[in-house]
Amino acid sequence: MLNFLLGAVAGALMAAVATVTALRNPDVQVRMGLVRPAPVTIQTRRPDPVCPPPAVQTHCQVSAQAGSPQVGQPDMLFARRRFWSVAP
């Protein structure tokens, strides 16, 4: 008898937790009619892109750009520090 009572209480608690968890989900709230669905807004026009301000070039940057464009440094990919350092 005690096993039945403990099982019934545990089952009721699990059902209550599952119900509360499901009702906190916004999709379930809309399906059950507890909350009205949010109106769908459609953008008719894409926003204009925001261009960054032009960068000020110094003499060193201009001379480096005259040759081939280079991004970063050559040893960035295969640096020993990158493979053996452990950072949190």
PDB file of N, CA and C in Angstrom:
ATOM      1  N   MET A   1       0.824  -1.183   0.000  1.00  0.00           N
ATOM      2  CA  MET A   1       0.000   0.000   0.000  1.00  0.00           C
ATOM      3  C   MET A   1       0.875   1.256   0.000  1.00  0.00           C
ATOM      4  N   LEU A   2       1.933   1.214   0.795  1.00  0.00           N
ATOM      5  CA  LEU A   2       2.835   2.361   0.846  1.00  0.00           C
ATOM      6  C   LEU A   2       3.534   2.553  -0.489  1.00  0.00           C
ATOM      7  N   ASN A   3       3.886   1.447  -1.157  1.00  0.00           N
ATOM      8  CA  ASN A   3       4.521   1.556  -2.477  1.00  0.00           C
ATOM      9  C   ASN A   3       3.583   2.232  -3.469  1.00  0.00           C
ATOM     10  N   PHE A   4       2.307   1.879  -3.421  1.00  0.00           N
ATOM     11  CA  PHE A   4       1.336   2.498  -4.322  1.00  0.00           C
ATOM     12  C   PHE A   4       1.231   3.991  -4.039  1.00  0.00           C
ATOM     13  N   LEU A   5       1.169   4.356  -2.780  1.00  0.00           N
ATOM     14  CA  LEU A   5       1.045   5.764  -2.399  1.00  0.00           C
ATOM     15  C   LEU A   5       2.283   6.561  -2.837  1.00  0.00           C
ATOM     16  N   LEU A   6       3.473   6.021  -2.596  1.00  0.00           N
ATOM     17  CA  LEU A   6       4.700   6.704  -3.003  1.00  0.00           C
ATOM     18  C   LEU A   6       4.793   6.792  -4.529  1.00  0.00           C
ATOM     19  N   GLY A   7       4.396   5.754  -5.232  1.00  0.00           N
ATOM     20  CA  GLY A   7       4.405   5.787  -6.691  1.00  0.00           C
ATOM     21  C   GLY A   7       3.426   6.799  -7.244  1.00  0.00           C
ATOM     22  N   ALA A   8       2.249   6.890  -6.622  1.00  0.00           N
ATOM     23  CA  ALA A   8       1.243   7.867  -7.069  1.00  0.00           C
ATOM     24  C   ALA A   8       1.734   9.293  -6.841  1.00  0.00           C
ATOM     25  N   VAL A   9       2.365   9.545  -5.720  1.00  0.00           N
ATOM     26  CA  VAL A   9       2.888  10.888  -5.427  1.00  0.00           C
ATOM     27  C   VAL A   9       4.012  11.233  -6.394  1.00  0.00           C
ATOM     28  N   ALA A  10       4.899  10.279  -6.636  1.00  0.00           N
ATOM     29  CA  ALA A  10       6.008  10.529  -7.563  1.00  0.00           C
ATOM     30  C   ALA A  10       5.474  10.761  -8.970  1.00  0.00           C
ATOM     31  N   GLY A  11       4.500   9.977  -9.401  1.00  0.00           N
ATOM     32  CA  GLY A  11       3.908  10.172 -10.720  1.00  0.00           C
ATOM     33  C   GLY A  11       3.217  11.517 -10.838  1.00  0.00           C
ATOM     34  N   ALA A  12       2.507  11.925  -9.793  1.00  0.00           N
ATOM     35  CA  ALA A  12       1.831  13.230  -9.813  1.00  0.00           C
ATOM     36  C   ALA A  12       2.853  14.365  -9.879  1.00  0.00           C
ATOM     37  N   LEU A  13       3.951  14.234  -9.158  1.00  0.00           N
ATOM     38  CA  LEU A  13       4.999  15.262  -9.203  1.00  0.00           C
ATOM     39  C   LEU A  13       5.628  15.332 -10.595  1.00  0.00           C
ATOM     40  N   MET A  14       5.896  14.182 -11.192  1.00  0.00           N
ATOM     41  CA  MET A  14       6.493  14.188 -12.541  1.00  0.00           C
ATOM     42  C   MET A  14       5.522  14.782 -13.550  1.00  0.00           C
ATOM     43  N   ALA A  15       4.238  14.461 -13.429  1.00  0.00           N
ATOM     44  CA  ALA A  15       3.249  15.026 -14.347  1.00  0.00           C
ATOM     45  C   ALA A  15       3.132  16.537 -14.161  1.00  0.00           C
ATOM     46  N   ALA A  16       3.189  16.998 -12.927  1.00  0.00           N
ATOM     47  CA  ALA A  16       3.104  18.438 -12.664  1.00  0.00           C
ATOM     48  C   ALA A  16       4.317  19.163 -13.235  1.00  0.00           C
ATOM     49  N   VAL A  17       5.503  18.603 -13.047  1.00  0.00           N
ATOM     50  CA  VAL A  17       6.717  19.231 -13.574  1.00  0.00           C
ATOM     51  C   VAL A  17       6.688  19.249 -15.098  1.00  0.00           C
ATOM     52  N   ALA A  18       6.247  18.153 -15.717  1.00  0.00           N
ATOM     53  CA  ALA A  18       6.173  18.108 -17.182  1.00  0.00           C
ATOM     54  C   ALA A  18       5.157  19.109 -17.710  1.00  0.00           C
ATOM     55  N   THR A  19       4.027  19.256 -17.018  1.00  0.00           N
ATOM     56  CA  THR A  19       3.003  20.212 -17.452  1.00  0.00           C
ATOM     57  C   THR A  19       3.497  21.642 -17.331  1.00  0.00           C
ATOM     58  N   VAL A  20       4.121  21.970 -16.223  1.00  0.00           N
ATOM     59  CA  VAL A  20       4.631  23.333 -16.036  1.00  0.00           C
ATOM     60  C   VAL A  20       5.731  23.627 -17.049  1.00  0.00           C
ATOM     61  N   THR A  21       6.588  22.673 -17.305  1.00  0.00           N
ATOM     62  CA  THR A  21       7.661  22.863 -18.276  1.00  0.00           C
ATOM     63  C   THR A  21       7.094  23.065 -19.670  1.00  0.00           C
ATOM     64  N   ALA A  22       6.091  22.287 -20.036  1.00  0.00           N
ATOM     65  CA  ALA A  22       5.489  22.428 -21.362  1.00  0.00           C
ATOM     66  C   ALA A  22       4.769  23.767 -21.489  1.00  0.00           C
ATOM     67  N   LEU A  23       4.091  24.191 -20.429  1.00  0.00           N
ATOM     68  CA  LEU A  23       3.339  25.451 -20.509  1.00  0.00           C
ATOM     69  C   LEU A  23       4.243  26.678 -20.523  1.00  0.00           C
ATOM     70  N   ARG A  24       5.488  26.525 -20.129  1.00  0.00           N
ATOM     71  CA  ARG A  24       6.422  27.657 -20.210  1.00  0.00           C
ATOM     72  C   ARG A  24       6.973  27.847 -21.607  1.00  0.00           C
ATOM     73  N   ASN A  25       6.789  26.861 -22.487  1.00  0.00           N
ATOM     74  CA  ASN A  25       7.251  26.950 -23.867  1.00  0.00           C
ATOM     75  C   ASN A  25       6.296  27.857 -24.650  1.00  0.00           C
ATOM     76  N   PRO A  26       6.808  28.886 -25.337  1.00  0.00           N
ATOM     77  CA  PRO A  26       5.927  29.820 -26.056  1.00  0.00           C
ATOM     78  C   PRO A  26       5.096  29.153 -27.150  1.00  0.00           C
ATOM     79  N   ASP A  27       5.638  28.136 -27.814  1.00  0.00           N
ATOM     80  CA  ASP A  27       4.867  27.466 -28.868  1.00  0.00           C
ATOM     81  C   ASP A  27       3.654  26.745 -28.289  1.00  0.00           C
ATOM     82  N   VAL A  28       3.833  26.103 -27.137  1.00  0.00           N
ATOM     83  CA  VAL A  28       2.720  25.401 -26.502  1.00  0.00           C
ATOM     84  C   VAL A  28       1.680  26.405 -26.019  1.00  0.00           C
ATOM     85  N   GLN A  29       2.120  27.549 -25.517  1.00  0.00           N
ATOM     86  CA  GLN A  29       1.188  28.575 -25.061  1.00  0.00           C
ATOM     87  C   GLN A  29       0.318  29.062 -26.205  1.00  0.00           C
ATOM     88  N   VAL A  30       0.914  29.249 -27.384  1.00  0.00           N
ATOM     89  CA  VAL A  30       0.140  29.704 -28.538  1.00  0.00           C
ATOM     90  C   VAL A  30      -0.823  28.615 -28.982  1.00  0.00           C
ATOM     91  N   ARG A  31      -0.383  27.350 -29.023  1.00  0.00           N
ATOM     92  CA  ARG A  31      -1.258  26.249 -29.459  1.00  0.00           C
ATOM     93  C   ARG A  31      -2.434  26.048 -28.522  1.00  0.00           C
ATOM     94  N   MET A  32      -2.237  26.267 -27.220  1.00  0.00           N
ATOM     95  CA  MET A  32      -3.331  26.080 -26.272  1.00  0.00           C
ATOM     96  C   MET A  32      -4.223  27.308 -26.172  1.00  0.00           C
ATOM     97  N   GLY A  33      -3.827  28.412 -26.804  1.00  0.00           N
ATOM     98  CA  GLY A  33      -4.633  29.616 -26.774  1.00  0.00           C
ATOM     99  C   GLY A  33      -4.433  30.465 -25.544  1.00  0.00           C
ATOM    100  N   LEU A  34      -3.369  30.223 -24.802  1.00  0.00           N
ATOM    101  CA  LEU A  34      -3.110  31.032 -23.614  1.00  0.00           C
ATOM    102  C   LEU A  34      -2.567  32.404 -23.974  1.00  0.00           C
ATOM    103  N   VAL A  35      -1.850  32.479 -25.082  1.00  0.00           N
ATOM    104  CA  VAL A  35      -1.225  33.726 -25.524  1.00  0.00           C
ATOM    105  C   VAL A  35      -1.558  33.905 -26.998  1.00  0.00           C
ATOM    106  N   ARG A  36      -1.803  35.136 -27.392  1.00  0.00           N
ATOM    107  CA  ARG A  36      -2.057  35.416 -28.807  1.00  0.00           C
ATOM    108  C   ARG A  36      -0.734  35.353 -29.569  1.00  0.00           C
ATOM    109  N   PRO A  37      -0.769  34.832 -30.789  1.00  0.00           N
ATOM    110  CA  PRO A  37       0.479  34.798 -31.568  1.00  0.00           C
ATOM    111  C   PRO A  37       0.911  36.203 -31.946  1.00  0.00           C
ATOM    112  N   ALA A  38       2.207  36.398 -31.994  1.00  0.00           N
ATOM    113  CA  ALA A  38       2.755  37.705 -32.367  1.00  0.00           C
ATOM    114  C   ALA A  38       2.481  37.947 -33.846  1.00  0.00           C
ATOM    115  N   PRO A  39       2.100  39.167 -34.205  1.00  0.00           N
ATOM    116  CA  PRO A  39       1.851  39.450 -35.624  1.00  0.00           C
ATOM    117  C   PRO A  39       3.138  39.335 -36.433  1.00  0.00           C
ATOM    118  N   VAL A  40       3.008  38.803 -37.614  1.00  0.00           N
ATOM    119  CA  VAL A  40       4.155  38.614 -38.483  1.00  0.00           C
ATOM    120  C   VAL A  40       4.413  39.914 -39.224  1.00  0.00           C
ATOM    121  N   THR A  41       5.636  40.403 -39.114  1.00  0.00           N
ATOM    122  CA  THR A  41       6.006  41.621 -39.827  1.00  0.00           C
ATOM    123  C   THR A  41       6.926  41.251 -40.977  1.00  0.00           C
ATOM    124  N   ILE A  42       6.626  41.802 -42.123  1.00  0.00           N
ATOM    125  CA  ILE A  42       7.416  41.523 -43.318  1.00  0.00           C
ATOM    126  C   ILE A  42       8.110  42.810 -43.735  1.00  0.00           C
ATOM    127  N   GLN A  43       9.408  42.730 -43.908  1.00  0.00           N
ATOM    128  CA  GLN A  43      10.146  43.894 -44.360  1.00  0.00           C
ATOM    129  C   GLN A  43       9.926  44.048 -45.857  1.00  0.00           C
ATOM    130  N   THR A  44       9.502  45.227 -46.251  1.00  0.00           N
ATOM    131  CA  THR A  44       9.262  45.453 -47.669  1.00  0.00           C
ATOM    132  C   THR A  44      10.527  45.910 -48.378  1.00  0.00           C
ATOM    133  N   ARG A  45      11.442  46.491 -47.647  1.00  0.00           N
ATOM    134  CA  ARG A  45      12.662  47.011 -48.256  1.00  0.00           C
ATOM    135  C   ARG A  45      13.844  46.702 -47.366  1.00  0.00           C
ATOM    136  N   ARG A  46      14.933  46.313 -47.968  1.00  0.00           N
ATOM    137  CA  ARG A  46      16.141  46.056 -47.202  1.00  0.00           C
ATOM    138  C   ARG A  46      16.723  47.369 -46.715  1.00  0.00           C
ATOM    139  N   PRO A  47      17.274  47.394 -45.507  1.00  0.00           N
ATOM    140  CA  PRO A  47      17.896  48.633 -45.026  1.00  0.00           C
ATOM    141  C   PRO A  47      19.164  48.945 -45.818  1.00  0.00           C
ATOM    142  N   ASP A  48      19.431  50.211 -45.948  1.00  0.00           N
ATOM    143  CA  ASP A  48      20.636  50.630 -46.657  1.00  0.00           C
ATOM    144  C   ASP A  48      21.870  50.224 -45.858  1.00  0.00           C
ATOM    145  N   PRO A  49      22.911  49.725 -46.519  1.00  0.00           N
ATOM    146  CA  PRO A  49      24.113  49.323 -45.788  1.00  0.00           C
ATOM    147  C   PRO A  49      24.851  50.545 -45.250  1.00  0.00           C
ATOM    148  N   VAL A  50      25.457  50.352 -44.109  1.00  0.00           N
ATOM    149  CA  VAL A  50      26.224  51.424 -43.487  1.00  0.00           C
ATOM    150  C   VAL A  50      27.687  51.187 -43.822  1.00  0.00           C
ATOM    151  N   CYS A  51      28.264  52.104 -44.537  1.00  0.00           N
ATOM    152  CA  CYS A  51      29.662  51.970 -44.933  1.00  0.00           C
ATOM    153  C   CYS A  51      30.567  52.524 -43.836  1.00  0.00           C
ATOM    154  N   PRO A  52      31.671  51.840 -43.540  1.00  0.00           N
ATOM    155  CA  PRO A  52      32.596  52.369 -42.540  1.00  0.00           C
ATOM    156  C   PRO A  52      33.312  53.595 -43.094  1.00  0.00           C
ATOM    157  N   PRO A  53      33.754  54.482 -42.228  1.00  0.00           N
ATOM    158  CA  PRO A  53      34.479  55.661 -42.711  1.00  0.00           C
ATOM    159  C   PRO A  53      35.792  55.241 -43.364  1.00  0.00           C
ATOM    160  N   PRO A  54      36.253  55.989 -44.343  1.00  0.00           N
ATOM    161  CA  PRO A  54      37.508  55.616 -45.009  1.00  0.00           C
ATOM    162  C   PRO A  54      38.674  55.710 -44.035  1.00  0.00           C
ATOM    163  N   ALA A  55      39.564  54.727 -44.123  1.00  0.00           N
ATOM    164  CA  ALA A  55      40.721  54.679 -43.233  1.00  0.00           C
ATOM    165  C   ALA A  55      41.779  55.667 -43.701  1.00  0.00           C
ATOM    166  N   VAL A  56      42.458  56.247 -42.734  1.00  0.00           N
ATOM    167  CA  VAL A  56      43.541  57.175 -43.049  1.00  0.00           C
ATOM    168  C   VAL A  56      44.792  56.358 -43.330  1.00  0.00           C
ATOM    169  N   GLN A  57      45.399  56.562 -44.498  1.00  0.00           N
ATOM    170  CA  GLN A  57      46.574  55.784 -44.868  1.00  0.00           C
ATOM    171  C   GLN A  57      47.836  56.592 -44.603  1.00  0.00           C
ATOM    172  N   THR A  58      48.809  55.913 -44.002  1.00  0.00           N
ATOM    173  CA  THR A  58      50.101  56.561 -43.780  1.00  0.00           C
ATOM    174  C   THR A  58      51.036  56.171 -44.914  1.00  0.00           C
ATOM    175  N   HIS A  59      52.206  56.716 -44.913  1.00  0.00           N
ATOM    176  CA  HIS A  59      53.174  56.458 -45.971  1.00  0.00           C
ATOM    177  C   HIS A  59      53.583  54.981 -46.001  1.00  0.00           C
ATOM    178  N   CYS A  60      53.732  54.345 -44.806  1.00  0.00           N
ATOM    179  CA  CYS A  60      54.142  52.935 -44.746  1.00  0.00           C
ATOM    180  C   CYS A  60      53.067  52.030 -45.343  1.00  0.00           C
ATOM    181  N   GLN A  61      51.809  52.346 -45.064  1.00  0.00           N
ATOM    182  CA  GLN A  61      50.735  51.515 -45.589  1.00  0.00           C
ATOM    183  C   GLN A  61      50.637  51.634 -47.101  1.00  0.00           C
ATOM    184  N   VAL A  62      50.878  52.822 -47.628  1.00  0.00           N
ATOM    185  CA  VAL A  62      50.779  53.016 -49.071  1.00  0.00           C
ATOM    186  C   VAL A  62      51.877  52.241 -49.783  1.00  0.00           C
ATOM    187  N   SER A  63      53.100  52.256 -49.233  1.00  0.00           N
ATOM    188  CA  SER A  63      54.198  51.542 -49.880  1.00  0.00           C
ATOM    189  C   SER A  63      53.990  50.030 -49.786  1.00  0.00           C
ATOM    190  N   ALA A  64      53.386  49.539 -48.715  1.00  0.00           N
ATOM    191  CA  ALA A  64      53.134  48.107 -48.594  1.00  0.00           C
ATOM    192  C   ALA A  64      52.040  47.675 -49.554  1.00  0.00           C
ATOM    193  N   GLN A  65      51.076  48.555 -49.821  1.00  0.00           N
ATOM    194  CA  GLN A  65      49.988  48.208 -50.727  1.00  0.00           C
ATOM    195  C   GLN A  65      50.431  48.262 -52.185  1.00  0.00           C
ATOM    196  N   ALA A  66      51.544  48.907 -52.459  1.00  0.00           N
ATOM    197  CA  ALA A  66      51.997  49.011 -53.837  1.00  0.00           C
ATOM    198  C   ALA A  66      52.395  47.637 -54.376  1.00  0.00           C
ATOM    199  N   GLY A  67      52.936  46.762 -53.514  1.00  0.00           N
ATOM    200  CA  GLY A  67      53.323  45.413 -53.939  1.00  0.00           C
ATOM    201  C   GLY A  67      52.093  44.510 -53.945  1.00  0.00           C
ATOM    202  N   SER A  68      52.198  43.383 -53.278  1.00  0.00           N
ATOM    203  CA  SER A  68      51.053  42.475 -53.192  1.00  0.00           C
ATOM    204  C   SER A  68      50.312  42.704 -51.873  1.00  0.00           C
ATOM    205  N   PRO A  69      49.002  42.571 -51.883  1.00  0.00           N
ATOM    206  CA  PRO A  69      48.272  42.759 -50.627  1.00  0.00           C
ATOM    207  C   PRO A  69      48.559  41.603 -49.668  1.00  0.00           C
ATOM    208  N   GLN A  70      48.837  41.919 -48.419  1.00  0.00           N
ATOM    209  CA  GLN A  70      49.184  40.908 -47.433  1.00  0.00           C
ATOM    210  C   GLN A  70      48.347  41.137 -46.185  1.00  0.00           C
ATOM    211  N   VAL A  71      47.727  40.080 -45.713  1.00  0.00           N
ATOM    212  CA  VAL A  71      46.906  40.158 -44.510  1.00  0.00           C
ATOM    213  C   VAL A  71      47.580  39.327 -43.439  1.00  0.00           C
ATOM    214  N   GLY A  72      47.819  39.916 -42.295  1.00  0.00           N
ATOM    215  CA  GLY A  72      48.444  39.183 -41.199  1.00  0.00           C
ATOM    216  C   GLY A  72      49.919  38.935 -41.455  1.00  0.00           C
ATOM    217  N   GLN A  73      50.442  37.902 -40.801  1.00  0.00           N
ATOM    218  CA  GLN A  73      51.840  37.548 -40.955  1.00  0.00           C
ATOM    219  C   GLN A  73      51.935  36.085 -41.361  1.00  0.00           C
ATOM    220  N   PRO A  74      52.982  35.709 -42.084  1.00  0.00           N
ATOM    221  CA  PRO A  74      53.064  34.336 -42.606  1.00  0.00           C
ATOM    222  C   PRO A  74      53.090  33.255 -41.531  1.00  0.00           C
ATOM    223  N   ASP A  75      53.645  33.540 -40.352  1.00  0.00           N
ATOM    224  CA  ASP A  75      53.763  32.490 -39.347  1.00  0.00           C
ATOM    225  C   ASP A  75      52.543  32.401 -38.437  1.00  0.00           C
ATOM    226  N   MET A  76      51.462  33.070 -38.782  1.00  0.00           N
ATOM    227  CA  MET A  76      50.275  33.025 -37.926  1.00  0.00           C
ATOM    228  C   MET A  76      49.633  31.637 -37.923  1.00  0.00           C
ATOM    229  N   LEU A  77      49.643  30.944 -39.026  1.00  0.00           N
ATOM    230  CA  LEU A  77      48.967  29.657 -39.109  1.00  0.00           C
ATOM    231  C   LEU A  77      49.747  28.549 -38.432  1.00  0.00           C
ATOM    232  N   PHE A  78      51.053  28.515 -38.610  1.00  0.00           N
ATOM    233  CA  PHE A  78      51.851  27.421 -38.092  1.00  0.00           C
ATOM    234  C   PHE A  78      52.760  27.852 -36.945  1.00  0.00           C
ATOM    235  N   ALA A  79      52.330  28.758 -36.118  1.00  0.00           N
ATOM    236  CA  ALA A  79      53.142  29.198 -34.988  1.00  0.00           C
ATOM    237  C   ALA A  79      53.121  28.126 -33.894  1.00  0.00           C
ATOM    238  N   ARG A  80      54.270  27.864 -33.297  1.00  0.00           N
ATOM    239  CA  ARG A  80      54.349  26.872 -32.227  1.00  0.00           C
ATOM    240  C   ARG A  80      53.504  27.297 -31.030  1.00  0.00           C
ATOM    241  N   ARG A  81      53.470  28.570 -30.746  1.00  0.00           N
ATOM    242  CA  ARG A  81      52.683  29.046 -29.604  1.00  0.00           C
ATOM    243  C   ARG A  81      51.217  28.687 -29.770  1.00  0.00           C
ATOM    244  N   ARG A  82      50.736  28.699 -30.987  1.00  0.00           N
ATOM    245  CA  ARG A  82      49.328  28.437 -31.241  1.00  0.00           C
ATOM    246  C   ARG A  82      48.991  26.981 -30.940  1.00  0.00           C
ATOM    247  N   PHE A  83      49.885  26.069 -31.253  1.00  0.00           N
ATOM    248  CA  PHE A  83      49.600  24.656 -31.060  1.00  0.00           C
ATOM    249  C   PHE A  83      49.852  24.172 -29.646  1.00  0.00           C
ATOM    250  N   TRP A  84      50.818  24.781 -28.947  1.00  0.00           N
ATOM    251  CA  TRP A  84      51.196  24.238 -27.651  1.00  0.00           C
ATOM    252  C   TRP A  84      50.732  25.072 -26.482  1.00  0.00           C
ATOM    253  N   SER A  85      50.171  26.220 -26.706  1.00  0.00           N
ATOM    254  CA  SER A  85      49.708  27.012 -25.571  1.00  0.00           C
ATOM    255  C   SER A  85      48.284  26.594 -25.217  1.00  0.00           C
ATOM    256  N   VAL A  86      48.011  26.524 -23.931  1.00  0.00           N
ATOM    257  CA  VAL A  86      46.667  26.161 -23.455  1.00  0.00           C
ATOM    258  C   VAL A  86      46.088  27.404 -22.810  1.00  0.00           C
ATOM    259  N   ALA A  87      45.051  27.940 -23.425  1.00  0.00           N
ATOM    260  CA  ALA A  87      44.430  29.139 -22.884  1.00  0.00           C
ATOM    261  C   ALA A  87      43.035  28.775 -22.359  1.00  0.00           C
ATOM    262  N   PRO A  88      42.640  29.324 -21.239  1.00  0.00           N
ATOM    263  CA  PRO A  88      41.311  29.013 -20.692  1.00  0.00           C
ATOM    264  C   PRO A  88      40.211  29.661 -21.531  1.00  0.00           C
TER     265      PRO A  88
END
